[in-house]
Each structure stands twice: as C-alpha cells, then as structure tokens.
C-alpha cells in the first residue's frame, strides 16, 4: 500500500508539472523554438488574427520583418528563421528551398494551423513556391518578392564568385552578421551554402505546368533592375499561376520593398492579402 501511495505521489508531484507544450503554448506571443526535421527551428509570434507566415531572404532572419509589424497588425505574424539562419540550426549544412518548405509545413502541422497566408522575400519566396505546390490547399494567399522559378545564368555567375564572406557586398555582409546568432562561423557556412546554389539544378526547377498547380492567390513583386533574376521570370510566373497579380517596380533592385517603397508595398500587399487588390497591380 505504501508503495502504491508513493508512486501516486511521485506522479502527481514530479511528472505532472512536466508537460510538452501544446499548440496554444507554441502560438503565444514571443520567441519559440520547435524541433522540426532534425533542426531547432526558431520563430517569433506577434499579434492575433489570421495566421500570416513570414519568410526572410537568404542570409537574413525573421527580424527583417520587424519594420512591417504596424502595417501587418491585423494578422498573427509567424516569422521563421529558416534552417541554418538566425537562431535556427542546420546540422546537415545543406540548404534547399524544398527542404525549407517541408520544415515550414511541418511547423504549421505542429502549431495546428491548417490554412494560412504568407509573404516570402527571395529565398523565402522560393520556399513558398515549394509550399504552394507541395500542399496547394493550405496556402490561401501569398506575396512573393524577388522570387524565381529557377536560377538563371546571371544568378549562377554571382553565386560562383563567392568563396568567403569578404566576397559579399558590404551592406549584404552586414545583414548576414546582424542575423547570425552563432557569429562568424555561421556567416561562413551560409556563404558556402549560397555558393552551392550555382551547381543546383533540381531544387529551383519550376515549369509553367508545375506553377499552374498553385491555387493560392499570388502577388508577385519584382524590381526591373534585379541583378539575379531578369524581369522575364516574374512575368513567366504571372502567366503560369492561375490567380495572380504582378507588380514590376520601376528602377527596382533585388528586394525593392524597403526605403521609399516600403509604404506603397505594404499598402498593396495588405490589400491583396485581404482580398481587396489595389490598383497598382495588374491581375488575371
């Protein structure tokens, strides 16, 4: 009898306080880390409302979206450090956009989120292309900024020139360093992974037929002076994705949504996500 009572006391006092965080815990405001596909995936949650997944460019982190918080306040923002970036780990030391998409979809499963809207910049947008083709019914609407269906010769030439962080333009290198929670070794690893894209041919290889499977309403934003991806590529995506709108930013570089363009971009993006497309984007 004493043994049984002792076991009951142990369960009540020792075991019960230790519980696995449920989806509501993991969606509370603040910073979180979840074990997903063998990596520690770090993400932040802010606000309430409909879930909006935010995916950063390569070399950056979830913090890049902080200036957008006020304009995106109608959503519950889930900003994710993709594998190997920010505070997320990547033991494999290999980054593919398809694997990144599988990570984010698995995180959505863990959070109990079946449907969501999303915004992705550059590699974040390429991750979204995989998500929207792997599980088309889950992404209701998305905004792709400076994404591409495939790597071009221009992009590969730039990628092949990278052998160390010193090869990055100073403002880009500063961005890598701001986000690298593990310091210079993480920066070096990310540069190495970025350079490997030059010889990657099966990760970003979307055809018009594949893009045609996307059911999400899609706003495509692209600069007409993008050095990586010529304007013909967003035009191609616009023609292939069934419900899409295209905004070519005049004199726009890669990621032409900061600085003077931030306010008009956010106005257009929020209107599109809210199913009230403004006049700046043409759609079909």
C-alpha atoms as a PDB file:
ATOM      1  CA  UNK A   1       0.000   0.000   0.000  1.00  0.00           C
ATOM      2  CA  UNK A   2       2.784   2.417   0.909  1.00  0.00           C
ATOM      3  CA  UNK A   3       4.497   1.623  -2.392  1.00  0.00           C
ATOM      4  CA  UNK A   4       1.330   2.432  -4.368  1.00  0.00           C
ATOM      5  CA  UNK A   5       0.806   5.688  -2.485  1.00  0.00           C
ATOM      6  CA  UNK A   6       4.431   6.597  -3.087  1.00  0.00           C
ATOM      7  CA  UNK A   7       4.056   6.010  -6.814  1.00  0.00           C
ATOM      8  CA  UNK A   8       0.920   8.148  -6.929  1.00  0.00           C
ATOM      9  CA  UNK A   9       2.698  10.967  -5.052  1.00  0.00           C
ATOM     10  CA  UNK A  10       5.636  10.776  -7.498  1.00  0.00           C
ATOM     11  CA  UNK A  11       3.287  11.033 -10.494  1.00  0.00           C
ATOM     12  CA  UNK A  12       1.383  13.954  -9.018  1.00  0.00           C
ATOM     13  CA  UNK A  13       4.349  15.983  -7.785  1.00  0.00           C
ATOM     14  CA  UNK A  14       7.119  15.128 -10.232  1.00  0.00           C
ATOM     15  CA  UNK A  15       5.597  14.023 -13.505  1.00  0.00           C
ATOM     16  CA  UNK A  16       2.556  16.242 -13.899  1.00  0.00           C
ATOM     17  CA  UNK A  17       4.336  19.625 -13.914  1.00  0.00           C
ATOM     18  CA  UNK A  18       6.474  18.441 -16.839  1.00  0.00           C
ATOM     19  CA  UNK A  19       4.342  18.592 -19.955  1.00  0.00           C
ATOM     20  CA  UNK A  20       5.011  19.063 -23.617  1.00  0.00           C
ATOM     21  CA  UNK A  21       3.966  22.478 -24.876  1.00  0.00           C
ATOM     22  CA  UNK A  22       0.752  22.284 -26.864  1.00  0.00           C
ATOM     23  CA  UNK A  23      -0.115  24.308 -29.962  1.00  0.00           C
ATOM     24  CA  UNK A  24      -1.608  27.157 -27.936  1.00  0.00           C
ATOM     25  CA  UNK A  25       1.638  27.488 -25.952  1.00  0.00           C
ATOM     26  CA  UNK A  26       3.667  27.462 -29.158  1.00  0.00           C
ATOM     27  CA  UNK A  27       1.473  30.182 -30.668  1.00  0.00           C
ATOM     28  CA  UNK A  28       1.651  32.565 -27.739  1.00  0.00           C
ATOM     29  CA  UNK A  29       3.328  35.901 -28.432  1.00  0.00           C
ATOM     30  CA  UNK A  30       7.108  35.874 -28.228  1.00  0.00           C
ATOM     31  CA  UNK A  31      10.019  33.720 -29.311  1.00  0.00           C
ATOM     32  CA  UNK A  32       9.828  29.960 -29.663  1.00  0.00           C
ATOM     33  CA  UNK A  33      11.904  27.035 -30.870  1.00  0.00           C
ATOM     34  CA  UNK A  34      10.492  23.774 -32.209  1.00  0.00           C
ATOM     35  CA  UNK A  35      12.317  20.609 -33.223  1.00  0.00           C
ATOM     36  CA  UNK A  36      11.410  20.076 -36.876  1.00  0.00           C
ATOM     37  CA  UNK A  37      13.006  17.568 -39.268  1.00  0.00           C
ATOM     38  CA  UNK A  38      16.127  17.314 -37.127  1.00  0.00           C
ATOM     39  CA  UNK A  39      16.682  21.071 -36.750  1.00  0.00           C
ATOM     40  CA  UNK A  40      15.868  23.539 -33.992  1.00  0.00           C
ATOM     41  CA  UNK A  41      13.569  25.927 -35.860  1.00  0.00           C
ATOM     42  CA  UNK A  42      13.301  29.342 -34.216  1.00  0.00           C
ATOM     43  CA  UNK A  43      10.290  31.570 -34.830  1.00  0.00           C
ATOM     44  CA  UNK A  44       8.504  34.550 -33.343  1.00  0.00           C
ATOM     45  CA  UNK A  45       4.774  35.100 -32.923  1.00  0.00           C
ATOM     46  CA  UNK A  46       3.170  38.535 -32.720  1.00  0.00           C
ATOM     47  CA  UNK A  47      -0.422  39.760 -32.844  1.00  0.00           C
ATOM     48  CA  UNK A  48      -3.698  37.904 -33.188  1.00  0.00           C
ATOM     49  CA  UNK A  49      -5.973  37.116 -36.060  1.00  0.00           C
ATOM     50  CA  UNK A  50      -5.495  35.118 -39.236  1.00  0.00           C
ATOM     51  CA  UNK A  51      -2.053  33.466 -39.414  1.00  0.00           C
ATOM     52  CA  UNK A  52       0.481  35.095 -41.735  1.00  0.00           C
ATOM     53  CA  UNK A  53       3.747  33.215 -42.294  1.00  0.00           C
ATOM     54  CA  UNK A  54       6.771  35.448 -42.962  1.00  0.00           C
ATOM     55  CA  UNK A  55       9.880  34.029 -44.667  1.00  0.00           C
ATOM     56  CA  UNK A  56      13.071  36.042 -44.997  1.00  0.00           C
ATOM     57  CA  UNK A  57      15.719  36.214 -47.762  1.00  0.00           C
ATOM     58  CA  UNK A  58      18.801  34.009 -47.725  1.00  0.00           C
ATOM     59  CA  UNK A  59      21.357  35.185 -45.147  1.00  0.00           C
ATOM     60  CA  UNK A  60      18.776  37.178 -43.193  1.00  0.00           C
ATOM     61  CA  UNK A  61      16.428  36.175 -40.355  1.00  0.00           C
ATOM     62  CA  UNK A  62      12.914  36.733 -39.031  1.00  0.00           C
ATOM     63  CA  UNK A  63      13.914  40.109 -37.592  1.00  0.00           C
ATOM     64  CA  UNK A  64      13.878  41.628 -41.082  1.00  0.00           C
ATOM     65  CA  UNK A  65      10.087  41.849 -40.806  1.00  0.00           C
ATOM     66  CA  UNK A  66      10.051  43.952 -37.620  1.00  0.00           C
ATOM     67  CA  UNK A  67       9.583  47.261 -39.534  1.00  0.00           C
ATOM     68  CA  UNK A  68       6.414  45.818 -41.088  1.00  0.00           C
ATOM     69  CA  UNK A  69       4.681  44.993 -37.785  1.00  0.00           C
ATOM     70  CA  UNK A  70       2.453  48.073 -37.642  1.00  0.00           C
ATOM     71  CA  UNK A  71       1.085  47.537 -41.156  1.00  0.00           C
ATOM     72  CA  UNK A  72       0.596  43.782 -40.679  1.00  0.00           C
ATOM     73  CA  UNK A  73      -1.048  44.135 -37.282  1.00  0.00           C
ATOM     74  CA  UNK A  74      -4.353  42.635 -38.429  1.00  0.00           C
ATOM     75  CA  UNK A  75      -2.617  39.245 -38.685  1.00  0.00           C
ATOM     76  CA  UNK A  76      -0.992  36.825 -36.310  1.00  0.00           C
ATOM     77  CA  UNK A  77       2.533  37.048 -37.695  1.00  0.00           C
ATOM     78  CA  UNK A  78       4.664  33.918 -37.569  1.00  0.00           C
ATOM     79  CA  UNK A  79       8.159  34.959 -38.652  1.00  0.00           C
ATOM     80  CA  UNK A  80      10.503  31.997 -39.061  1.00  0.00           C
ATOM     81  CA  UNK A  81      14.287  31.715 -39.092  1.00  0.00           C
ATOM     82  CA  UNK A  82      14.720  29.218 -41.915  1.00  0.00           C
ATOM     83  CA  UNK A  83      17.110  26.335 -41.244  1.00  0.00           C
ATOM     84  CA  UNK A  84      20.656  27.488 -40.591  1.00  0.00           C
ATOM     85  CA  UNK A  85      19.599  31.143 -40.312  1.00  0.00           C
ATOM     86  CA  UNK A  86      19.263  33.341 -37.251  1.00  0.00           C
ATOM     87  CA  UNK A  87      18.753  31.115 -34.227  1.00  0.00           C
ATOM     88  CA  UNK A  88      17.730  28.033 -36.246  1.00  0.00           C
ATOM     89  CA  UNK A  89      20.184  25.172 -36.670  1.00  0.00           C
ATOM     90  CA  UNK A  90      21.076  23.097 -39.713  1.00  0.00           C
ATOM     91  CA  UNK A  91      23.249  20.087 -38.830  1.00  0.00           C
ATOM     92  CA  UNK A  92      23.268  18.922 -42.467  1.00  0.00           C
ATOM     93  CA  UNK A  93      24.982  22.183 -43.569  1.00  0.00           C
ATOM     94  CA  UNK A  94      22.951  21.940 -46.770  1.00  0.00           C
ATOM     95  CA  UNK A  95      20.120  24.297 -47.678  1.00  0.00           C
ATOM     96  CA  UNK A  96      17.480  23.578 -50.293  1.00  0.00           C
ATOM     97  CA  UNK A  97      14.287  25.521 -50.764  1.00  0.00           C
ATOM     98  CA  UNK A  98      12.325  22.294 -50.985  1.00  0.00           C
ATOM     99  CA  UNK A  99      13.629  21.166 -47.583  1.00  0.00           C
ATOM    100  CA  UNK A 100      12.920  24.623 -46.182  1.00  0.00           C
ATOM    101  CA  UNK A 101       9.329  24.300 -47.415  1.00  0.00           C
ATOM    102  CA  UNK A 102       8.987  20.919 -45.734  1.00  0.00           C
ATOM    103  CA  UNK A 103      10.294  22.452 -42.497  1.00  0.00           C
ATOM    104  CA  UNK A 104       7.719  25.253 -42.557  1.00  0.00           C
ATOM    105  CA  UNK A 105       4.850  22.929 -43.447  1.00  0.00           C
ATOM    106  CA  UNK A 106       5.853  20.590 -40.605  1.00  0.00           C
ATOM    107  CA  UNK A 107       5.940  23.560 -38.225  1.00  0.00           C
ATOM    108  CA  UNK A 108       2.426  24.518 -39.324  1.00  0.00           C
ATOM    109  CA  UNK A 109       1.349  20.942 -38.556  1.00  0.00           C
ATOM    110  CA  UNK A 110       2.891  21.199 -35.101  1.00  0.00           C
ATOM    111  CA  UNK A 111       1.127  24.511 -34.478  1.00  0.00           C
ATOM    112  CA  UNK A 112      -2.203  23.086 -35.614  1.00  0.00           C
ATOM    113  CA  UNK A 113      -2.504  25.593 -38.479  1.00  0.00           C
ATOM    114  CA  UNK A 114      -4.252  24.100 -41.499  1.00  0.00           C
ATOM    115  CA  UNK A 115      -4.633  27.231 -43.640  1.00  0.00           C
ATOM    116  CA  UNK A 116      -2.547  30.386 -43.726  1.00  0.00           C
ATOM    117  CA  UNK A 117      -1.432  33.341 -45.790  1.00  0.00           C
ATOM    118  CA  UNK A 118       2.227  34.052 -46.387  1.00  0.00           C
ATOM    119  CA  UNK A 119       4.849  36.519 -47.516  1.00  0.00           C
ATOM    120  CA  UNK A 120       8.314  35.499 -48.706  1.00  0.00           C
ATOM    121  CA  UNK A 121      11.322  37.512 -49.812  1.00  0.00           C
ATOM    122  CA  UNK A 122      13.793  35.998 -52.316  1.00  0.00           C
ATOM    123  CA  UNK A 123      14.685  32.567 -50.829  1.00  0.00           C
ATOM    124  CA  UNK A 124      11.631  32.926 -48.603  1.00  0.00           C
ATOM    125  CA  UNK A 125       9.515  33.349 -51.728  1.00  0.00           C
ATOM    126  CA  UNK A 126      11.191  30.346 -53.360  1.00  0.00           C
ATOM    127  CA  UNK A 127      10.360  28.333 -50.242  1.00  0.00           C
ATOM    128  CA  UNK A 128       6.748  29.463 -50.657  1.00  0.00           C
ATOM    129  CA  UNK A 129       6.681  28.252 -54.262  1.00  0.00           C
ATOM    130  CA  UNK A 130       7.534  24.775 -52.986  1.00  0.00           C
ATOM    131  CA  UNK A 131       4.968  25.006 -50.188  1.00  0.00           C
ATOM    132  CA  UNK A 132       2.231  26.114 -52.570  1.00  0.00           C
ATOM    133  CA  UNK A 133       2.935  23.218 -54.946  1.00  0.00           C
ATOM    134  CA  UNK A 134       3.594  20.537 -52.301  1.00  0.00           C
ATOM    135  CA  UNK A 135       0.352  21.292 -50.416  1.00  0.00           C
ATOM    136  CA  UNK A 136      -1.663  23.705 -52.578  1.00  0.00           C
ATOM    137  CA  UNK A 137      -4.800  23.749 -50.428  1.00  0.00           C
ATOM    138  CA  UNK A 138      -3.013  25.081 -47.333  1.00  0.00           C
ATOM    139  CA  UNK A 139      -1.780  28.423 -48.705  1.00  0.00           C
ATOM    140  CA  UNK A 140      -4.736  30.768 -49.175  1.00  0.00           C
ATOM    141  CA  UNK A 141      -2.790  33.764 -50.493  1.00  0.00           C
ATOM    142  CA  UNK A 142       0.868  34.725 -50.750  1.00  0.00           C
ATOM    143  CA  UNK A 143       3.142  37.597 -51.671  1.00  0.00           C
ATOM    144  CA  UNK A 144       6.367  36.710 -53.482  1.00  0.00           C
ATOM    145  CA  UNK A 145       9.084  39.362 -53.543  1.00  0.00           C
ATOM    146  CA  UNK A 146      12.114  38.854 -55.813  1.00  0.00           C
ATOM    147  CA  UNK A 147      11.499  35.112 -56.124  1.00  0.00           C
ATOM    148  CA  UNK A 148      12.294  32.979 -59.154  1.00  0.00           C
ATOM    149  CA  UNK A 149      11.094  29.670 -60.602  1.00  0.00           C
ATOM    150  CA  UNK A 150      14.716  28.748 -61.449  1.00  0.00           C
ATOM    151  CA  UNK A 151      18.264  30.009 -61.151  1.00  0.00           C
ATOM    152  CA  UNK A 152      19.493  31.881 -64.188  1.00  0.00           C
ATOM    153  CA  UNK A 153      22.977  32.079 -65.668  1.00  0.00           C
ATOM    154  CA  UNK A 154      23.224  35.587 -64.191  1.00  0.00           C
ATOM    155  CA  UNK A 155      22.462  34.278 -60.698  1.00  0.00           C
ATOM    156  CA  UNK A 156      24.858  31.345 -61.031  1.00  0.00           C
ATOM    157  CA  UNK A 157      27.665  33.639 -62.143  1.00  0.00           C
ATOM    158  CA  UNK A 158      27.195  35.741 -58.982  1.00  0.00           C
ATOM    159  CA  UNK A 159      26.989  32.634 -56.797  1.00  0.00           C
ATOM    160  CA  UNK A 160      30.217  31.187 -58.248  1.00  0.00           C
ATOM    161  CA  UNK A 161      32.153  34.317 -57.270  1.00  0.00           C
ATOM    162  CA  UNK A 162      31.513  33.712 -53.578  1.00  0.00           C
ATOM    163  CA  UNK A 163      34.281  31.887 -51.756  1.00  0.00           C
ATOM    164  CA  UNK A 164      34.228  33.789 -48.450  1.00  0.00           C
ATOM    165  CA  UNK A 165      32.157  36.415 -46.617  1.00  0.00           C
ATOM    166  CA  UNK A 166      34.560  39.087 -47.901  1.00  0.00           C
ATOM    167  CA  UNK A 167      33.149  38.490 -51.405  1.00  0.00           C
ATOM    168  CA  UNK A 168      29.740  39.805 -50.345  1.00  0.00           C
ATOM    169  CA  UNK A 169      28.902  43.490 -50.874  1.00  0.00           C
ATOM    170  CA  UNK A 170      29.486  45.286 -47.529  1.00  0.00           C
ATOM    171  CA  UNK A 171      25.771  46.060 -46.876  1.00  0.00           C
ATOM    172  CA  UNK A 172      24.855  42.422 -47.573  1.00  0.00           C
ATOM    173  CA  UNK A 173      27.628  41.132 -45.327  1.00  0.00           C
ATOM    174  CA  UNK A 174      26.459  43.468 -42.565  1.00  0.00           C
ATOM    175  CA  UNK A 175      22.970  41.954 -42.880  1.00  0.00           C
ATOM    176  CA  UNK A 176      24.359  38.425 -42.616  1.00  0.00           C
ATOM    177  CA  UNK A 177      26.293  39.379 -39.489  1.00  0.00           C
ATOM    178  CA  UNK A 178      23.314  41.099 -37.838  1.00  0.00           C
ATOM    179  CA  UNK A 179      21.294  37.904 -38.120  1.00  0.00           C
ATOM    180  CA  UNK A 180      23.992  35.312 -37.371  1.00  0.00           C
ATOM    181  CA  UNK A 181      23.249  34.274 -33.789  1.00  0.00           C
ATOM    182  CA  UNK A 182      26.294  31.954 -33.828  1.00  0.00           C
ATOM    183  CA  UNK A 183      28.696  34.571 -35.148  1.00  0.00           C
ATOM    184  CA  UNK A 184      31.238  34.408 -37.942  1.00  0.00           C
ATOM    185  CA  UNK A 185      31.242  30.589 -38.369  1.00  0.00           C
ATOM    186  CA  UNK A 186      27.531  30.785 -39.186  1.00  0.00           C
ATOM    187  CA  UNK A 187      28.158  33.571 -41.714  1.00  0.00           C
ATOM    188  CA  UNK A 188      30.845  31.476 -43.382  1.00  0.00           C
ATOM    189  CA  UNK A 189      28.580  28.437 -43.535  1.00  0.00           C
ATOM    190  CA  UNK A 190      25.731  30.425 -45.092  1.00  0.00           C
ATOM    191  CA  UNK A 191      28.032  31.900 -47.727  1.00  0.00           C
ATOM    192  CA  UNK A 192      29.203  28.384 -48.591  1.00  0.00           C
ATOM    193  CA  UNK A 193      25.619  27.149 -48.885  1.00  0.00           C
ATOM    194  CA  UNK A 194      24.679  30.142 -51.058  1.00  0.00           C
ATOM    195  CA  UNK A 195      27.635  29.431 -53.372  1.00  0.00           C
ATOM    196  CA  UNK A 196      26.424  25.837 -53.773  1.00  0.00           C
ATOM    197  CA  UNK A 197      23.269  27.130 -55.493  1.00  0.00           C
ATOM    198  CA  UNK A 198      25.457  27.718 -58.570  1.00  0.00           C
ATOM    199  CA  UNK A 199      25.506  23.971 -59.205  1.00  0.00           C
ATOM    200  CA  UNK A 200      21.968  23.222 -58.032  1.00  0.00           C
ATOM    201  CA  UNK A 201      19.613  22.311 -60.845  1.00  0.00           C
ATOM    202  CA  UNK A 202      16.807  20.283 -59.275  1.00  0.00           C
ATOM    203  CA  UNK A 203      15.800  22.469 -56.321  1.00  0.00           C
ATOM    204  CA  UNK A 204      14.501  25.519 -58.179  1.00  0.00           C
ATOM    205  CA  UNK A 205      13.204  23.961 -61.381  1.00  0.00           C
ATOM    206  CA  UNK A 206       9.566  25.045 -61.672  1.00  0.00           C
ATOM    207  CA  UNK A 207       7.926  24.740 -65.057  1.00  0.00           C
ATOM    208  CA  UNK A 208       4.777  26.634 -66.078  1.00  0.00           C
ATOM    209  CA  UNK A 209       2.863  23.366 -65.721  1.00  0.00           C
ATOM    210  CA  UNK A 210       4.027  22.942 -62.123  1.00  0.00           C
ATOM    211  CA  UNK A 211       3.300  26.567 -61.270  1.00  0.00           C
ATOM    212  CA  UNK A 212      -0.155  26.050 -62.742  1.00  0.00           C
ATOM    213  CA  UNK A 213      -0.966  23.752 -59.806  1.00  0.00           C
ATOM    214  CA  UNK A 214      -0.796  26.658 -57.364  1.00  0.00           C
ATOM    215  CA  UNK A 215      -4.240  27.556 -56.065  1.00  0.00           C
ATOM    216  CA  UNK A 216      -3.166  30.407 -53.757  1.00  0.00           C
ATOM    217  CA  UNK A 217      -3.911  33.943 -54.852  1.00  0.00           C
ATOM    218  CA  UNK A 218      -0.420  35.230 -55.554  1.00  0.00           C
ATOM    219  CA  UNK A 219       1.012  38.739 -55.712  1.00  0.00           C
ATOM    220  CA  UNK A 220       4.381  38.801 -57.498  1.00  0.00           C
ATOM    221  CA  UNK A 221       6.597  41.820 -56.746  1.00  0.00           C
ATOM    222  CA  UNK A 222       9.843  42.296 -58.650  1.00  0.00           C
ATOM    223  CA  UNK A 223      12.334  45.022 -59.495  1.00  0.00           C
ATOM    224  CA  UNK A 224      13.035  45.653 -63.156  1.00  0.00           C
ATOM    225  CA  UNK A 225      16.763  46.008 -62.339  1.00  0.00           C
ATOM    226  CA  UNK A 226      17.105  42.782 -60.343  1.00  0.00           C
ATOM    227  CA  UNK A 227      20.686  41.533 -60.970  1.00  0.00           C
ATOM    228  CA  UNK A 228      19.833  37.930 -60.101  1.00  0.00           C
ATOM    229  CA  UNK A 229      16.543  37.296 -61.856  1.00  0.00           C
ATOM    230  CA  UNK A 230      15.570  39.202 -65.027  1.00  0.00           C
ATOM    231  CA  UNK A 231      12.069  40.559 -65.295  1.00  0.00           C
ATOM    232  CA  UNK A 232      11.070  37.822 -67.756  1.00  0.00           C
ATOM    233  CA  UNK A 233      10.924  35.364 -64.843  1.00  0.00           C
ATOM    234  CA  UNK A 234       8.248  37.108 -62.748  1.00  0.00           C
ATOM    235  CA  UNK A 235       6.324  37.672 -65.971  1.00  0.00           C
ATOM    236  CA  UNK A 236       6.555  33.930 -66.611  1.00  0.00           C
ATOM    237  CA  UNK A 237       5.255  33.160 -63.119  1.00  0.00           C
ATOM    238  CA  UNK A 238       2.414  35.635 -63.603  1.00  0.00           C
ATOM    239  CA  UNK A 239       1.402  33.853 -66.784  1.00  0.00           C
ATOM    240  CA  UNK A 240       1.540  30.405 -65.168  1.00  0.00           C
ATOM    241  CA  UNK A 241      -0.013  30.874 -61.709  1.00  0.00           C
ATOM    242  CA  UNK A 242      -3.793  30.807 -62.250  1.00  0.00           C
ATOM    243  CA  UNK A 243      -4.838  33.566 -59.817  1.00  0.00           C
ATOM    244  CA  UNK A 244      -2.013  36.065 -59.699  1.00  0.00           C
ATOM    245  CA  UNK A 245      -1.135  39.744 -59.875  1.00  0.00           C
ATOM    246  CA  UNK A 246       2.140  41.275 -60.998  1.00  0.00           C
ATOM    247  CA  UNK A 247       3.834  44.446 -59.775  1.00  0.00           C
ATOM    248  CA  UNK A 248       7.084  45.374 -61.515  1.00  0.00           C
ATOM    249  CA  UNK A 249       8.833  48.104 -59.510  1.00  0.00           C
ATOM    250  CA  UNK A 250      10.466  50.690 -61.825  1.00  0.00           C
ATOM    251  CA  UNK A 251      14.203  51.066 -61.174  1.00  0.00           C
ATOM    252  CA  UNK A 252      13.801  48.338 -58.562  1.00  0.00           C
ATOM    253  CA  UNK A 253      16.787  46.268 -57.442  1.00  0.00           C
ATOM    254  CA  UNK A 254      16.614  42.890 -55.719  1.00  0.00           C
ATOM    255  CA  UNK A 255      14.115  43.183 -52.822  1.00  0.00           C
ATOM    256  CA  UNK A 256      12.664  46.544 -53.937  1.00  0.00           C
ATOM    257  CA  UNK A 257      10.350  46.880 -50.939  1.00  0.00           C
ATOM    258  CA  UNK A 258      12.444  48.842 -48.479  1.00  0.00           C
ATOM    259  CA  UNK A 259      13.172  52.535 -48.128  1.00  0.00           C
ATOM    260  CA  UNK A 260      10.824  54.739 -50.134  1.00  0.00           C
ATOM    261  CA  UNK A 261       8.984  51.692 -51.494  1.00  0.00           C
ATOM    262  CA  UNK A 262       8.098  50.221 -48.093  1.00  0.00           C
ATOM    263  CA  UNK A 263       4.847  52.151 -47.538  1.00  0.00           C
ATOM    264  CA  UNK A 264       3.376  51.551 -51.027  1.00  0.00           C
ATOM    265  CA  UNK A 265       4.457  47.910 -50.911  1.00  0.00           C
ATOM    266  CA  UNK A 266       2.813  47.259 -47.564  1.00  0.00           C
ATOM    267  CA  UNK A 267      -0.364  49.052 -48.653  1.00  0.00           C
ATOM    268  CA  UNK A 268      -0.579  46.902 -51.770  1.00  0.00           C
ATOM    269  CA  UNK A 269       0.413  43.665 -50.046  1.00  0.00           C
ATOM    270  CA  UNK A 270      -2.103  44.028 -47.213  1.00  0.00           C
ATOM    271  CA  UNK A 271      -4.858  44.964 -49.668  1.00  0.00           C
ATOM    272  CA  UNK A 272      -4.062  41.883 -51.715  1.00  0.00           C
ATOM    273  CA  UNK A 273      -3.918  39.547 -48.726  1.00  0.00           C
ATOM    274  CA  UNK A 274      -7.226  40.997 -47.524  1.00  0.00           C
ATOM    275  CA  UNK A 275      -8.781  40.215 -50.929  1.00  0.00           C
ATOM    276  CA  UNK A 276      -9.091  43.892 -51.774  1.00  0.00           C
ATOM    277  CA  UNK A 277      -6.457  44.281 -54.510  1.00  0.00           C
ATOM    278  CA  UNK A 278      -5.469  47.898 -55.050  1.00  0.00           C
ATOM    279  CA  UNK A 279      -4.967  49.461 -58.465  1.00  0.00           C
ATOM    280  CA  UNK A 280      -1.163  49.239 -58.646  1.00  0.00           C
ATOM    281  CA  UNK A 281      -1.061  45.557 -59.543  1.00  0.00           C
ATOM    282  CA  UNK A 282      -2.458  44.048 -62.709  1.00  0.00           C
ATOM    283  CA  UNK A 283      -4.119  40.673 -62.247  1.00  0.00           C
ATOM    284  CA  UNK A 284      -5.711  37.778 -64.076  1.00  0.00           C
END
